[in-house]
Amino acid sequence: MTNPVLIEVLRGAIVESAHRGSVAVFDGDGKPVWEIGDTAKPVFPRSAVKAIQALPLVESGAADAYGFGNRELALACASHSGEPAHVDLARSMLAKAGLDGSALECGTHWPSNH
């Protein structure tokens, strides 16, 4: 099944790009209430879900407890290139939580600008 066009980007009256996808809406019990497209097809959202992955940091109260502000929340929600400012902020966040780099799951990668 080809997913339907969900969004068209216009430049004037011309369609510049079209984006296909699928959408599923669930109720509070986890039952589907509306779907469009092939919602059974696996997706690999990668960075698109980082804000959702960071949500428990805020909802649990941990962000407030550790004094995290906009910079820390932006780092928690973002892909970044591992530049010194990113690393320093991540180390600071870990230290506020009484942790160090060994608590991280993914490990390190070379910065994207090298």
PDB file of N, CA and C in Angstrom:
ATOM      1  N   MET A   1       0.841  -1.177   0.000  1.00  0.00           N
ATOM      2  CA  MET A   1       0.000   0.000   0.000  1.00  0.00           C
ATOM      3  C   MET A   1       0.887   1.240   0.000  1.00  0.00           C
ATOM      4  N   THR A   2       0.607   2.156  -0.883  1.00  0.00           N
ATOM      5  CA  THR A   2       1.305   3.436  -0.889  1.00  0.00           C
ATOM      6  C   THR A   2       0.568   4.379   0.043  1.00  0.00           C
ATOM      7  N   ASN A   3       1.295   4.997   0.943  1.00  0.00           N
ATOM      8  CA  ASN A   3       0.663   5.936   1.863  1.00  0.00           C
ATOM      9  C   ASN A   3       0.170   7.165   1.114  1.00  0.00           C
ATOM     10  N   PRO A   4      -0.912   7.768   1.611  1.00  0.00           N
ATOM     11  CA  PRO A   4      -1.457   8.951   0.955  1.00  0.00           C
ATOM     12  C   PRO A   4      -0.582  10.180   1.202  1.00  0.00           C
ATOM     13  N   VAL A   5      -0.733  11.165   0.341  1.00  0.00           N
ATOM     14  CA  VAL A   5      -0.077  12.451   0.551  1.00  0.00           C
ATOM     15  C   VAL A   5      -0.786  13.134   1.718  1.00  0.00           C
ATOM     16  N   LEU A   6      -0.027  13.459   2.749  1.00  0.00           N
ATOM     17  CA  LEU A   6      -0.582  14.125   3.929  1.00  0.00           C
ATOM     18  C   LEU A   6      -0.348  15.631   3.891  1.00  0.00           C
ATOM     19  N   ILE A   7       0.764  16.031   3.297  1.00  0.00           N
ATOM     20  CA  ILE A   7       1.152  17.442   3.276  1.00  0.00           C
ATOM     21  C   ILE A   7       1.674  17.795   1.889  1.00  0.00           C
ATOM     22  N   GLU A   8       1.232  18.922   1.385  1.00  0.00           N
ATOM     23  CA  GLU A   8       1.811  19.490   0.177  1.00  0.00           C
ATOM     24  C   GLU A   8       2.377  20.861   0.523  1.00  0.00           C
ATOM     25  N   VAL A   9       3.600  21.094   0.106  1.00  0.00           N
ATOM     26  CA  VAL A   9       4.235  22.397   0.297  1.00  0.00           C
ATOM     27  C   VAL A   9       4.093  23.150  -1.020  1.00  0.00           C
ATOM     28  N   LEU A  10       3.499  24.332  -0.936  1.00  0.00           N
ATOM     29  CA  LEU A  10       3.250  25.123  -2.134  1.00  0.00           C
ATOM     30  C   LEU A  10       4.229  26.275  -2.243  1.00  0.00           C
ATOM     31  N   ARG A  11       4.594  26.566  -3.463  1.00  0.00           N
ATOM     32  CA  ARG A  11       5.329  27.798  -3.781  1.00  0.00           C
ATOM     33  C   ARG A  11       4.418  28.515  -4.767  1.00  0.00           C
ATOM     34  N   GLY A  12       3.683  29.496  -4.229  1.00  0.00           N
ATOM     35  CA  GLY A  12       2.621  30.100  -5.029  1.00  0.00           C
ATOM     36  C   GLY A  12       1.533  29.063  -5.223  1.00  0.00           C
ATOM     37  N   ALA A  13       1.168  28.807  -6.457  1.00  0.00           N
ATOM     38  CA  ALA A  13       0.143  27.803  -6.750  1.00  0.00           C
ATOM     39  C   ALA A  13       0.750  26.463  -7.164  1.00  0.00           C
ATOM     40  N   ILE A  14       2.072  26.357  -7.143  1.00  0.00           N
ATOM     41  CA  ILE A  14       2.775  25.147  -7.586  1.00  0.00           C
ATOM     42  C   ILE A  14       3.116  24.275  -6.378  1.00  0.00           C
ATOM     43  N   VAL A  15       2.836  22.976  -6.496  1.00  0.00           N
ATOM     44  CA  VAL A  15       3.235  22.037  -5.446  1.00  0.00           C
ATOM     45  C   VAL A  15       4.740  21.821  -5.566  1.00  0.00           C
ATOM     46  N   GLU A  16       5.467  22.283  -4.542  1.00  0.00           N
ATOM     47  CA  GLU A  16       6.925  22.159  -4.547  1.00  0.00           C
ATOM     48  C   GLU A  16       7.367  20.785  -4.059  1.00  0.00           C
ATOM     49  N   SER A  17       6.664  20.275  -3.051  1.00  0.00           N
ATOM     50  CA  SER A  17       6.970  18.933  -2.554  1.00  0.00           C
ATOM     51  C   SER A  17       5.725  18.355  -1.905  1.00  0.00           C
ATOM     52  N   ALA A  18       5.658  17.045  -1.909  1.00  0.00           N
ATOM     53  CA  ALA A  18       4.543  16.328  -1.291  1.00  0.00           C
ATOM     54  C   ALA A  18       5.122  15.276  -0.355  1.00  0.00           C
ATOM     55  N   HIS A  19       4.486  15.128   0.774  1.00  0.00           N
ATOM     56  CA  HIS A  19       4.998  14.219   1.796  1.00  0.00           C
ATOM     57  C   HIS A  19       3.926  13.194   2.157  1.00  0.00           C
ATOM     58  N   ARG A  20       4.272  11.935   1.958  1.00  0.00           N
ATOM     59  CA  ARG A  20       3.362  10.834   2.258  1.00  0.00           C
ATOM     60  C   ARG A  20       3.592  10.332   3.678  1.00  0.00           C
ATOM     61  N   GLY A  21       2.587   9.709   4.221  1.00  0.00           N
ATOM     62  CA  GLY A  21       2.752   9.150   5.547  1.00  0.00           C
ATOM     63  C   GLY A  21       1.517   8.405   5.989  1.00  0.00           C
ATOM     64  N   SER A  22       1.561   7.974   7.217  1.00  0.00           N
ATOM     65  CA  SER A  22       0.419   7.316   7.843  1.00  0.00           C
ATOM     66  C   SER A  22       0.227   7.934   9.218  1.00  0.00           C
ATOM     67  N   VAL A  23      -1.006   7.861   9.704  1.00  0.00           N
ATOM     68  CA  VAL A  23      -1.344   8.429  11.008  1.00  0.00           C
ATOM     69  C   VAL A  23      -2.266   7.453  11.716  1.00  0.00           C
ATOM     70  N   ALA A  24      -2.024   7.254  12.994  1.00  0.00           N
ATOM     71  CA  ALA A  24      -2.916   6.440  13.819  1.00  0.00           C
ATOM     72  C   ALA A  24      -3.214   7.213  15.095  1.00  0.00           C
ATOM     73  N   VAL A  25      -4.477   7.240  15.483  1.00  0.00           N
ATOM     74  CA  VAL A  25      -4.905   7.902  16.712  1.00  0.00           C
ATOM     75  C   VAL A  25      -5.486   6.827  17.623  1.00  0.00           C
ATOM     76  N   PHE A  26      -5.061   6.840  18.886  1.00  0.00           N
ATOM     77  CA  PHE A  26      -5.506   5.843  19.851  1.00  0.00           C
ATOM     78  C   PHE A  26      -6.209   6.519  21.013  1.00  0.00           C
ATOM     79  N   ASP A  27      -7.164   5.816  21.617  1.00  0.00           N
ATOM     80  CA  ASP A  27      -7.820   6.361  22.804  1.00  0.00           C
ATOM     81  C   ASP A  27      -6.977   6.047  24.040  1.00  0.00           C
ATOM     82  N   GLY A  28      -7.462   6.458  25.203  1.00  0.00           N
ATOM     83  CA  GLY A  28      -6.723   6.274  26.448  1.00  0.00           C
ATOM     84  C   GLY A  28      -6.478   4.826  26.813  1.00  0.00           C
ATOM     85  N   ASP A  29      -7.252   3.913  26.236  1.00  0.00           N
ATOM     86  CA  ASP A  29      -7.067   2.486  26.504  1.00  0.00           C
ATOM     87  C   ASP A  29      -6.161   1.819  25.475  1.00  0.00           C
ATOM     88  N   GLY A  30      -5.619   2.614  24.557  1.00  0.00           N
ATOM     89  CA  GLY A  30      -4.726   2.069  23.548  1.00  0.00           C
ATOM     90  C   GLY A  30      -5.430   1.461  22.354  1.00  0.00           C
ATOM     91  N   LYS A  31      -6.730   1.717  22.212  1.00  0.00           N
ATOM     92  CA  LYS A  31      -7.481   1.186  21.075  1.00  0.00           C
ATOM     93  C   LYS A  31      -7.477   2.206  19.940  1.00  0.00           C
ATOM     94  N   PRO A  32      -7.261   1.736  18.712  1.00  0.00           N
ATOM     95  CA  PRO A  32      -7.254   2.677  17.585  1.00  0.00           C
ATOM     96  C   PRO A  32      -8.644   3.258  17.345  1.00  0.00           C
ATOM     97  N   VAL A  33      -8.708   4.571  17.136  1.00  0.00           N
ATOM     98  CA  VAL A  33      -9.984   5.228  16.847  1.00  0.00           C
ATOM     99  C   VAL A  33     -10.006   5.819  15.440  1.00  0.00           C
ATOM    100  N   TRP A  34      -8.833   6.016  14.829  1.00  0.00           N
ATOM    101  CA  TRP A  34      -8.774   6.548  13.465  1.00  0.00           C
ATOM    102  C   TRP A  34      -7.408   6.238  12.883  1.00  0.00           C
ATOM    103  N   GLU A  35      -7.389   5.841  11.607  1.00  0.00           N
ATOM    104  CA  GLU A  35      -6.124   5.564  10.919  1.00  0.00           C
ATOM    105  C   GLU A  35      -6.233   5.987   9.471  1.00  0.00           C
ATOM    106  N   ILE A  36      -5.107   6.345   8.923  1.00  0.00           N
ATOM    107  CA  ILE A  36      -5.014   6.591   7.489  1.00  0.00           C
ATOM    108  C   ILE A  36      -3.638   6.096   7.044  1.00  0.00           C
ATOM    109  N   GLY A  37      -3.592   5.444   5.903  1.00  0.00           N
ATOM    110  CA  GLY A  37      -2.328   4.917   5.397  1.00  0.00           C
ATOM    111  C   GLY A  37      -1.991   3.570   6.003  1.00  0.00           C
ATOM    112  N   ASP A  38      -0.797   3.105   5.710  1.00  0.00           N
ATOM    113  CA  ASP A  38      -0.327   1.793   6.161  1.00  0.00           C
ATOM    114  C   ASP A  38       0.285   1.926   7.553  1.00  0.00           C
ATOM    115  N   THR A  39      -0.563   1.871   8.576  1.00  0.00           N
ATOM    116  CA  THR A  39      -0.089   2.064   9.949  1.00  0.00           C
ATOM    117  C   THR A  39       0.598   0.829  10.516  1.00  0.00           C
ATOM    118  N   ALA A  40       0.560  -0.287   9.794  1.00  0.00           N
ATOM    119  CA  ALA A  40       1.253  -1.492  10.258  1.00  0.00           C
ATOM    120  C   ALA A  40       2.705  -1.533   9.780  1.00  0.00           C
ATOM    121  N   LYS A  41       3.052  -0.669   8.855  1.00  0.00           N
ATOM    122  CA  LYS A  41       4.415  -0.645   8.309  1.00  0.00           C
ATOM    123  C   LYS A  41       5.374  -0.078   9.355  1.00  0.00           C
ATOM    124  N   PRO A  42       6.504  -0.754   9.593  1.00  0.00           N
ATOM    125  CA  PRO A  42       7.471  -0.235  10.570  1.00  0.00           C
ATOM    126  C   PRO A  42       8.033   1.120  10.128  1.00  0.00           C
ATOM    127  N   VAL A  43       8.281   1.961  11.099  1.00  0.00           N
ATOM    128  CA  VAL A  43       8.921   3.252  10.837  1.00  0.00           C
ATOM    129  C   VAL A  43      10.139   3.381  11.739  1.00  0.00           C
ATOM    130  N   PHE A  44      11.075   4.175  11.321  1.00  0.00           N
ATOM    131  CA  PHE A  44      12.306   4.393  12.067  1.00  0.00           C
ATOM    132  C   PHE A  44      12.489   5.900  12.250  1.00  0.00           C
ATOM    133  N   PRO A  45      11.790   6.476  13.237  1.00  0.00           N
ATOM    134  CA  PRO A  45      11.747   7.932  13.361  1.00  0.00           C
ATOM    135  C   PRO A  45      13.038   8.585  13.827  1.00  0.00           C
ATOM    136  N   ARG A  46      13.943   7.851  14.417  1.00  0.00           N
ATOM    137  CA  ARG A  46      15.224   8.371  14.884  1.00  0.00           C
ATOM    138  C   ARG A  46      15.059   9.678  15.639  1.00  0.00           C
ATOM    139  N   SER A  47      15.591  10.754  15.130  1.00  0.00           N
ATOM    140  CA  SER A  47      15.599  12.026  15.852  1.00  0.00           C
ATOM    141  C   SER A  47      14.216  12.635  16.030  1.00  0.00           C
ATOM    142  N   ALA A  48      13.251  12.208  15.247  1.00  0.00           N
ATOM    143  CA  ALA A  48      11.917  12.796  15.325  1.00  0.00           C
ATOM    144  C   ALA A  48      11.239  12.556  16.672  1.00  0.00           C
ATOM    145  N   VAL A  49      11.694  11.569  17.419  1.00  0.00           N
ATOM    146  CA  VAL A  49      11.050  11.281  18.702  1.00  0.00           C
ATOM    147  C   VAL A  49      11.874  11.747  19.902  1.00  0.00           C
ATOM    148  N   LYS A  50      12.935  12.477  19.671  1.00  0.00           N
ATOM    149  CA  LYS A  50      13.775  12.900  20.802  1.00  0.00           C
ATOM    150  C   LYS A  50      13.012  13.738  21.816  1.00  0.00           C
ATOM    151  N   ALA A  51      12.136  14.617  21.344  1.00  0.00           N
ATOM    152  CA  ALA A  51      11.352  15.427  22.285  1.00  0.00           C
ATOM    153  C   ALA A  51      10.445  14.535  23.131  1.00  0.00           C
ATOM    154  N   ILE A  52       9.901  13.493  22.533  1.00  0.00           N
ATOM    155  CA  ILE A  52       9.049  12.561  23.279  1.00  0.00           C
ATOM    156  C   ILE A  52       9.896  11.772  24.272  1.00  0.00           C
ATOM    157  N   GLN A  53      11.105  11.374  23.872  1.00  0.00           N
ATOM    158  CA  GLN A  53      11.993  10.653  24.784  1.00  0.00           C
ATOM    159  C   GLN A  53      12.409  11.529  25.959  1.00  0.00           C
ATOM    160  N   ALA A  54      12.484  12.835  25.749  1.00  0.00           N
ATOM    161  CA  ALA A  54      12.888  13.755  26.816  1.00  0.00           C
ATOM    162  C   ALA A  54      11.722  14.156  27.714  1.00  0.00           C
ATOM    163  N   LEU A  55      10.492  13.876  27.302  1.00  0.00           N
ATOM    164  CA  LEU A  55       9.313  14.282  28.064  1.00  0.00           C
ATOM    165  C   LEU A  55       9.313  13.792  29.509  1.00  0.00           C
ATOM    166  N   PRO A  56       9.696  12.550  29.801  1.00  0.00           N
ATOM    167  CA  PRO A  56       9.719  12.112  31.205  1.00  0.00           C
ATOM    168  C   PRO A  56      10.648  12.949  32.087  1.00  0.00           C
ATOM    169  N   LEU A  57      11.672  13.531  31.508  1.00  0.00           N
ATOM    170  CA  LEU A  57      12.571  14.404  32.258  1.00  0.00           C
ATOM    171  C   LEU A  57      11.792  15.569  32.858  1.00  0.00           C
ATOM    172  N   VAL A  58      10.840  16.101  32.098  1.00  0.00           N
ATOM    173  CA  VAL A  58      10.022  17.219  32.566  1.00  0.00           C
ATOM    174  C   VAL A  58       8.864  16.718  33.425  1.00  0.00           C
ATOM    175  N   GLU A  59       8.121  15.716  32.923  1.00  0.00           N
ATOM    176  CA  GLU A  59       6.930  15.243  33.627  1.00  0.00           C
ATOM    177  C   GLU A  59       7.239  14.655  34.996  1.00  0.00           C
ATOM    178  N   SER A  60       8.407  14.070  35.151  1.00  0.00           N
ATOM    179  CA  SER A  60       8.769  13.461  36.436  1.00  0.00           C
ATOM    180  C   SER A  60       9.185  14.494  37.468  1.00  0.00           C
ATOM    181  N   GLY A  61       9.462  15.722  37.010  1.00  0.00           N
ATOM    182  CA  GLY A  61       9.955  16.755  37.912  1.00  0.00           C
ATOM    183  C   GLY A  61      11.468  16.803  37.994  1.00  0.00           C
ATOM    184  N   ALA A  62      12.154  15.888  37.319  1.00  0.00           N
ATOM    185  CA  ALA A  62      13.618  15.840  37.383  1.00  0.00           C
ATOM    186  C   ALA A  62      14.251  17.109  36.814  1.00  0.00           C
ATOM    187  N   ALA A  63      13.693  17.642  35.729  1.00  0.00           N
ATOM    188  CA  ALA A  63      14.266  18.860  35.135  1.00  0.00           C
ATOM    189  C   ALA A  63      14.253  20.003  36.142  1.00  0.00           C
ATOM    190  N   ASP A  64      13.150  20.153  36.859  1.00  0.00           N
ATOM    191  CA  ASP A  64      13.070  21.197  37.890  1.00  0.00           C
ATOM    192  C   ASP A  64      13.992  20.880  39.056  1.00  0.00           C
ATOM    193  N   ALA A  65      14.008  19.622  39.472  1.00  0.00           N
ATOM    194  CA  ALA A  65      14.819  19.230  40.631  1.00  0.00           C
ATOM    195  C   ALA A  65      16.305  19.488  40.391  1.00  0.00           C
ATOM    196  N   TYR A  66      16.758  19.299  39.153  1.00  0.00           N
ATOM    197  CA  TYR A  66      18.169  19.504  38.834  1.00  0.00           C
ATOM    198  C   TYR A  66      18.456  20.907  38.312  1.00  0.00           C
ATOM    199  N   GLY A  67      17.428  21.753  38.250  1.00  0.00           N
ATOM    200  CA  GLY A  67      17.623  23.126  37.795  1.00  0.00           C
ATOM    201  C   GLY A  67      17.893  23.247  36.307  1.00  0.00           C
ATOM    202  N   PHE A  68      17.348  22.324  35.513  1.00  0.00           N
ATOM    203  CA  PHE A  68      17.549  22.382  34.072  1.00  0.00           C
ATOM    204  C   PHE A  68      16.681  23.485  33.478  1.00  0.00           C
ATOM    205  N   GLY A  69      17.285  24.312  32.654  1.00  0.00           N
ATOM    206  CA  GLY A  69      16.577  25.388  31.968  1.00  0.00           C
ATOM    207  C   GLY A  69      16.451  25.084  30.488  1.00  0.00           C
ATOM    208  N   ASN A  70      16.231  26.127  29.713  1.00  0.00           N
ATOM    209  CA  ASN A  70      16.018  25.962  28.275  1.00  0.00           C
ATOM    210  C   ASN A  70      17.197  25.304  27.564  1.00  0.00           C
ATOM    211  N   ARG A  71      18.419  25.656  27.939  1.00  0.00           N
ATOM    212  CA  ARG A  71      19.592  25.074  27.267  1.00  0.00           C
ATOM    213  C   ARG A  71      19.646  23.564  27.486  1.00  0.00           C
ATOM    214  N   GLU A  72      19.434  23.142  28.732  1.00  0.00           N
ATOM    215  CA  GLU A  72      19.488  21.712  29.046  1.00  0.00           C
ATOM    216  C   GLU A  72      18.353  20.960  28.353  1.00  0.00           C
ATOM    217  N   LEU A  73      17.151  21.540  28.376  1.00  0.00           N
ATOM    218  CA  LEU A  73      16.023  20.873  27.720  1.00  0.00           C
ATOM    219  C   LEU A  73      16.228  20.812  26.209  1.00  0.00           C
ATOM    220  N   ALA A  74      16.806  21.856  25.639  1.00  0.00           N
ATOM    221  CA  ALA A  74      17.091  21.834  24.199  1.00  0.00           C
ATOM    222  C   ALA A  74      18.076  20.716  23.866  1.00  0.00           C
ATOM    223  N   LEU A  75      19.092  20.541  24.688  1.00  0.00           N
ATOM    224  CA  LEU A  75      20.060  19.472  24.451  1.00  0.00           C
ATOM    225  C   LEU A  75      19.401  18.098  24.588  1.00  0.00           C
ATOM    226  N   ALA A  76      18.520  17.949  25.575  1.00  0.00           N
ATOM    227  CA  ALA A  76      17.840  16.667  25.782  1.00  0.00           C
ATOM    228  C   ALA A  76      16.917  16.316  24.620  1.00  0.00           C
ATOM    229  N   CYS A  77      16.416  17.322  23.917  1.00  0.00           N
ATOM    230  CA  CYS A  77      15.456  17.105  22.830  1.00  0.00           C
ATOM    231  C   CYS A  77      16.091  17.075  21.448  1.00  0.00           C
ATOM    232  N   ALA A  78      17.394  17.254  21.358  1.00  0.00           N
ATOM    233  CA  ALA A  78      17.998  17.516  20.053  1.00  0.00           C
ATOM    234  C   ALA A  78      19.023  16.475  19.638  1.00  0.00           C
ATOM    235  N   SER A  79      19.235  16.445  18.342  1.00  0.00           N
ATOM    236  CA  SER A  79      20.442  15.823  17.811  1.00  0.00           C
ATOM    237  C   SER A  79      21.502  16.903  17.887  1.00  0.00           C
ATOM    238  N   HIS A  80      22.693  16.536  18.205  1.00  0.00           N
ATOM    239  CA  HIS A  80      23.758  17.532  18.226  1.00  0.00           C
ATOM    240  C   HIS A  80      25.030  16.892  17.708  1.00  0.00           C
ATOM    241  N   SER A  81      26.016  17.724  17.482  1.00  0.00           N
ATOM    242  CA  SER A  81      27.221  17.257  16.806  1.00  0.00           C
ATOM    243  C   SER A  81      28.380  16.962  17.743  1.00  0.00           C
ATOM    244  N   GLY A  82      28.151  16.980  19.046  1.00  0.00           N
ATOM    245  CA  GLY A  82      29.212  16.635  19.984  1.00  0.00           C
ATOM    246  C   GLY A  82      30.315  17.667  20.074  1.00  0.00           C
ATOM    247  N   GLU A  83      29.990  18.906  19.757  1.00  0.00           N
ATOM    248  CA  GLU A  83      30.975  19.977  19.874  1.00  0.00           C
ATOM    249  C   GLU A  83      31.226  20.273  21.348  1.00  0.00           C
ATOM    250  N   PRO A  84      32.321  20.943  21.675  1.00  0.00           N
ATOM    251  CA  PRO A  84      32.670  21.171  23.082  1.00  0.00           C
ATOM    252  C   PRO A  84      31.536  21.752  23.932  1.00  0.00           C
ATOM    253  N   ALA A  85      30.775  22.689  23.396  1.00  0.00           N
ATOM    254  CA  ALA A  85      29.669  23.271  24.170  1.00  0.00           C
ATOM    255  C   ALA A  85      28.615  22.223  24.503  1.00  0.00           C
ATOM    256  N   HIS A  86      28.359  21.301  23.571  1.00  0.00           N
ATOM    257  CA  HIS A  86      27.383  20.237  23.818  1.00  0.00           C
ATOM    258  C   HIS A  86      27.900  19.282  24.893  1.00  0.00           C
ATOM    259  N   VAL A  87      29.151  18.902  24.757  1.00  0.00           N
ATOM    260  CA  VAL A  87      29.760  17.969  25.710  1.00  0.00           C
ATOM    261  C   VAL A  87      29.801  18.587  27.105  1.00  0.00           C
ATOM    262  N   ASP A  88      30.195  19.851  27.193  1.00  0.00           N
ATOM    263  CA  ASP A  88      30.258  20.524  28.496  1.00  0.00           C
ATOM    264  C   ASP A  88      28.888  20.578  29.153  1.00  0.00           C
ATOM    265  N   LEU A  89      27.864  20.902  28.371  1.00  0.00           N
ATOM    266  CA  LEU A  89      26.515  20.976  28.930  1.00  0.00           C
ATOM    267  C   LEU A  89      26.029  19.592  29.355  1.00  0.00           C
ATOM    268  N   ALA A  90      26.293  18.575  28.548  1.00  0.00           N
ATOM    269  CA  ALA A  90      25.893  17.211  28.914  1.00  0.00           C
ATOM    270  C   ALA A  90      26.598  16.766  30.194  1.00  0.00           C
ATOM    271  N   ARG A  91      27.883  17.073  30.319  1.00  0.00           N
ATOM    272  CA  ARG A  91      28.617  16.729  31.553  1.00  0.00           C
ATOM    273  C   ARG A  91      28.018  17.448  32.756  1.00  0.00           C
ATOM    274  N   SER A  92      27.665  18.718  32.574  1.00  0.00           N
ATOM    275  CA  SER A  92      27.054  19.493  33.649  1.00  0.00           C
ATOM    276  C   SER A  92      25.718  18.881  34.072  1.00  0.00           C
ATOM    277  N   MET A  93      24.919  18.470  33.095  1.00  0.00           N
ATOM    278  CA  MET A  93      23.627  17.847  33.399  1.00  0.00           C
ATOM    279  C   MET A  93      23.823  16.550  34.173  1.00  0.00           C
ATOM    280  N   LEU A  94      24.757  15.733  33.725  1.00  0.00           N
ATOM    281  CA  LEU A  94      25.034  14.478  34.421  1.00  0.00           C
ATOM    282  C   LEU A  94      25.515  14.742  35.844  1.00  0.00           C
ATOM    283  N   ALA A  95      26.403  15.717  36.012  1.00  0.00           N
ATOM    284  CA  ALA A  95      26.940  16.032  37.341  1.00  0.00           C
ATOM    285  C   ALA A  95      25.826  16.479  38.287  1.00  0.00           C
ATOM    286  N   LYS A  96      24.887  17.287  37.783  1.00  0.00           N
ATOM    287  CA  LYS A  96      23.764  17.733  38.621  1.00  0.00           C
ATOM    288  C   LYS A  96      22.933  16.551  39.107  1.00  0.00           C
ATOM    289  N   ALA A  97      22.920  15.484  38.312  1.00  0.00           N
ATOM    290  CA  ALA A  97      22.174  14.276  38.676  1.00  0.00           C
ATOM    291  C   ALA A  97      23.041  13.279  39.431  1.00  0.00           C
ATOM    292  N   GLY A  98      24.291  13.653  39.738  1.00  0.00           N
ATOM    293  CA  GLY A  98      25.191  12.754  40.450  1.00  0.00           C
ATOM    294  C   GLY A  98      25.717  11.624  39.585  1.00  0.00           C
ATOM    295  N   LEU A  99      25.802  11.853  38.278  1.00  0.00           N
ATOM    296  CA  LEU A  99      26.226  10.819  37.333  1.00  0.00           C
ATOM    297  C   LEU A  99      27.423  11.297  36.526  1.00  0.00           C
ATOM    298  N   ASP A 100      27.973  10.378  35.728  1.00  0.00           N
ATOM    299  CA  ASP A 100      29.026  10.743  34.785  1.00  0.00           C
ATOM    300  C   ASP A 100      28.743  10.047  33.459  1.00  0.00           C
ATOM    301  N   GLY A 101      29.658  10.152  32.520  1.00  0.00           N
ATOM    302  CA  GLY A 101      29.460   9.607  31.186  1.00  0.00           C
ATOM    303  C   GLY A 101      29.200   8.116  31.133  1.00  0.00           C
ATOM    304  N   SER A 102      29.604   7.382  32.160  1.00  0.00           N
ATOM    305  CA  SER A 102      29.364   5.931  32.154  1.00  0.00           C
ATOM    306  C   SER A 102      27.876   5.595  32.257  1.00  0.00           C
ATOM    307  N   ALA A 103      27.050   6.569  32.644  1.00  0.00           N
ATOM    308  CA  ALA A 103      25.605   6.343  32.744  1.00  0.00           C
ATOM    309  C   ALA A 103      24.918   6.421  31.382  1.00  0.00           C
ATOM    310  N   LEU A 104      25.625   6.889  30.374  1.00  0.00           N
ATOM    311  CA  LEU A 104      25.023   7.038  29.048  1.00  0.00           C
ATOM    312  C   LEU A 104      25.011   5.706  28.316  1.00  0.00           C
ATOM    313  N   GLU A 105      23.964   5.465  27.552  1.00  0.00           N
ATOM    314  CA  GLU A 105      23.786   4.203  26.840  1.00  0.00           C
ATOM    315  C   GLU A 105      24.490   4.173  25.490  1.00  0.00           C
ATOM    316  N   CYS A 106      24.435   5.261  24.752  1.00  0.00           N
ATOM    317  CA  CYS A 106      24.865   5.249  23.356  1.00  0.00           C
ATOM    318  C   CYS A 106      26.376   5.304  23.198  1.00  0.00           C
ATOM    319  N   GLY A 107      27.043   5.904  24.112  1.00  0.00           N
ATOM    320  CA  GLY A 107      28.479   6.048  23.958  1.00  0.00           C
ATOM    321  C   GLY A 107      28.824   7.278  23.140  1.00  0.00           C
ATOM    322  N   THR A 108      30.090   7.432  22.859  1.00  0.00           N
ATOM    323  CA  THR A 108      30.543   8.634  22.159  1.00  0.00           C
ATOM    324  C   THR A 108      30.755   8.366  20.682  1.00  0.00           C
ATOM    325  N   HIS A 109      30.684   9.423  19.917  1.00  0.00           N
ATOM    326  CA  HIS A 109      30.952   9.396  18.482  1.00  0.00           C
ATOM    327  C   HIS A 109      31.784  10.626  18.164  1.00  0.00           C
ATOM    328  N   TRP A 110      32.523  10.581  17.080  1.00  0.00           N
ATOM    329  CA  TRP A 110      33.273  11.758  16.669  1.00  0.00           C
ATOM    330  C   TRP A 110      32.303  12.871  16.329  1.00  0.00           C
ATOM    331  N   PRO A 111      32.634  14.118  16.658  1.00  0.00           N
ATOM    332  CA  PRO A 111      31.773  15.243  16.264  1.00  0.00           C
ATOM    333  C   PRO A 111      31.592  15.274  14.753  1.00  0.00           C
ATOM    334  N   SER A 112      30.422  15.725  14.319  1.00  0.00           N
ATOM    335  CA  SER A 112      30.125  15.719  12.884  1.00  0.00           C
ATOM    336  C   SER A 112      30.921  16.753  12.104  1.00  0.00           C
ATOM    337  N   ASN A 113      31.533  17.706  12.798  1.00  0.00           N
ATOM    338  CA  ASN A 113      32.302  18.725  12.080  1.00  0.00           C
ATOM    339  C   ASN A 113      33.776  18.364  11.956  1.00  0.00           C
ATOM    340  N   HIS A 114      34.148  17.116  12.236  1.00  0.00           N
ATOM    341  CA  HIS A 114      35.550  16.678  12.120  1.00  0.00           C
ATOM    342  C   HIS A 114      35.675  15.577  11.092  1.00  0.00           C
TER     343      HIS A 114
END
